């Protein structure tokens, strides 16, 4: 993913919580249950991700992928 998406991610927010999103790190990407997308935007609390396909983020609530957050 390019720098444009990185810059865009800084402006985007989760449509459900309003939390900031960031591009998934390689570790976060590998931890996601599906790799159908080119990348993912991960919510600030790490509890959800949204797919990015063809450079276009899908921020529809029904596209959200719940993530397991390690409480430690």
C-alpha atoms as a PDB file:
ATOM      1  CA  UNK A   1       0.000   0.000   0.000  1.00  0.00           C
ATOM      2  CA  UNK A   2       1.264   3.416  -0.843  1.00  0.00           C
ATOM      3  CA  UNK A   3       1.868   6.632   1.012  1.00  0.00           C
ATOM      4  CA  UNK A   4      -1.441   8.078  -0.174  1.00  0.00           C
ATOM      5  CA  UNK A   5      -3.368   5.418   1.738  1.00  0.00           C
ATOM      6  CA  UNK A   6      -1.177   6.000   4.786  1.00  0.00           C
ATOM      7  CA  UNK A   7      -2.029   9.710   4.648  1.00  0.00           C
ATOM      8  CA  UNK A   8      -5.697   8.919   4.069  1.00  0.00           C
ATOM      9  CA  UNK A   9      -5.783   6.485   6.999  1.00  0.00           C
ATOM     10  CA  UNK A  10      -4.777   9.333   9.312  1.00  0.00           C
ATOM     11  CA  UNK A  11      -8.029  11.092   8.371  1.00  0.00           C
ATOM     12  CA  UNK A  12     -10.357   8.099   8.457  1.00  0.00           C
ATOM     13  CA  UNK A  13     -12.340   6.991  11.497  1.00  0.00           C
ATOM     14  CA  UNK A  14     -14.217   3.843  12.428  1.00  0.00           C
ATOM     15  CA  UNK A  15     -17.862   4.406  11.466  1.00  0.00           C
ATOM     16  CA  UNK A  16     -19.042   2.643  14.636  1.00  0.00           C
ATOM     17  CA  UNK A  17     -16.805   4.127  17.343  1.00  0.00           C
ATOM     18  CA  UNK A  18     -15.128   7.154  15.763  1.00  0.00           C
ATOM     19  CA  UNK A  19     -11.694   5.784  16.666  1.00  0.00           C
ATOM     20  CA  UNK A  20      -8.726   6.499  14.414  1.00  0.00           C
ATOM     21  CA  UNK A  21      -7.636   3.816  11.943  1.00  0.00           C
ATOM     22  CA  UNK A  22      -4.141   2.788  10.852  1.00  0.00           C
ATOM     23  CA  UNK A  23      -2.793   0.484   8.163  1.00  0.00           C
ATOM     24  CA  UNK A  24      -2.295  -3.032   9.478  1.00  0.00           C
ATOM     25  CA  UNK A  25       1.291  -3.877  10.339  1.00  0.00           C
ATOM     26  CA  UNK A  26       2.697  -7.109   8.871  1.00  0.00           C
ATOM     27  CA  UNK A  27       2.041  -8.815  12.221  1.00  0.00           C
ATOM     28  CA  UNK A  28      -1.566  -7.575  12.334  1.00  0.00           C
ATOM     29  CA  UNK A  29      -2.074  -8.605   8.698  1.00  0.00           C
ATOM     30  CA  UNK A  30      -0.880 -12.163   9.380  1.00  0.00           C
ATOM     31  CA  UNK A  31      -3.153 -12.392  12.441  1.00  0.00           C
ATOM     32  CA  UNK A  32      -6.290 -11.582  10.437  1.00  0.00           C
ATOM     33  CA  UNK A  33      -8.496 -14.583   9.723  1.00  0.00           C
ATOM     34  CA  UNK A  34      -8.844 -13.818   6.015  1.00  0.00           C
ATOM     35  CA  UNK A  35      -6.526 -12.315   3.427  1.00  0.00           C
ATOM     36  CA  UNK A  36      -9.108 -11.604   0.740  1.00  0.00           C
ATOM     37  CA  UNK A  37      -8.142  -7.921   0.757  1.00  0.00           C
ATOM     38  CA  UNK A  38      -4.938  -6.135  -0.279  1.00  0.00           C
ATOM     39  CA  UNK A  39      -4.615  -4.669   3.189  1.00  0.00           C
ATOM     40  CA  UNK A  40      -6.577  -3.681   6.258  1.00  0.00           C
ATOM     41  CA  UNK A  41      -7.249  -0.618   8.355  1.00  0.00           C
ATOM     42  CA  UNK A  42      -7.132  -1.506  12.042  1.00  0.00           C
ATOM     43  CA  UNK A  43      -9.066   0.388  14.685  1.00  0.00           C
ATOM     44  CA  UNK A  44      -7.095   2.261  17.351  1.00  0.00           C
ATOM     45  CA  UNK A  45      -8.106  -0.205  20.091  1.00  0.00           C
ATOM     46  CA  UNK A  46      -7.075  -3.151  17.890  1.00  0.00           C
ATOM     47  CA  UNK A  47     -10.509  -4.771  18.242  1.00  0.00           C
ATOM     48  CA  UNK A  48     -11.610  -4.440  14.604  1.00  0.00           C
ATOM     49  CA  UNK A  49     -10.294  -4.136  11.063  1.00  0.00           C
ATOM     50  CA  UNK A  50     -11.726  -2.995   7.747  1.00  0.00           C
ATOM     51  CA  UNK A  51     -10.587  -4.390   4.384  1.00  0.00           C
ATOM     52  CA  UNK A  52      -8.818  -2.336   1.721  1.00  0.00           C
ATOM     53  CA  UNK A  53      -9.173  -3.664  -1.832  1.00  0.00           C
ATOM     54  CA  UNK A  54      -7.626  -2.000  -4.845  1.00  0.00           C
ATOM     55  CA  UNK A  55      -6.611   0.898  -2.617  1.00  0.00           C
ATOM     56  CA  UNK A  56     -10.223   1.554  -1.591  1.00  0.00           C
ATOM     57  CA  UNK A  57     -11.122   1.184   2.100  1.00  0.00           C
ATOM     58  CA  UNK A  58     -14.443  -0.550   2.805  1.00  0.00           C
ATOM     59  CA  UNK A  59     -15.722   1.177   5.936  1.00  0.00           C
ATOM     60  CA  UNK A  60     -19.221  -0.235   5.894  1.00  0.00           C
ATOM     61  CA  UNK A  61     -20.136  -1.546   9.354  1.00  0.00           C
ATOM     62  CA  UNK A  62     -21.001  -4.958   7.880  1.00  0.00           C
ATOM     63  CA  UNK A  63     -17.454  -5.223   6.447  1.00  0.00           C
ATOM     64  CA  UNK A  64     -15.842  -4.890   9.879  1.00  0.00           C
ATOM     65  CA  UNK A  65     -13.763  -7.887  10.965  1.00  0.00           C
ATOM     66  CA  UNK A  66     -13.758  -8.345  14.754  1.00  0.00           C
ATOM     67  CA  UNK A  67     -10.294  -9.052  16.159  1.00  0.00           C
ATOM     68  CA  UNK A  68      -9.363 -10.764  19.387  1.00  0.00           C
ATOM     69  CA  UNK A  69      -7.590  -8.375  21.724  1.00  0.00           C
ATOM     70  CA  UNK A  70      -5.087  -9.909  24.138  1.00  0.00           C
ATOM     71  CA  UNK A  71      -5.894  -8.382  27.551  1.00  0.00           C
ATOM     72  CA  UNK A  72      -2.278  -8.684  28.794  1.00  0.00           C
END
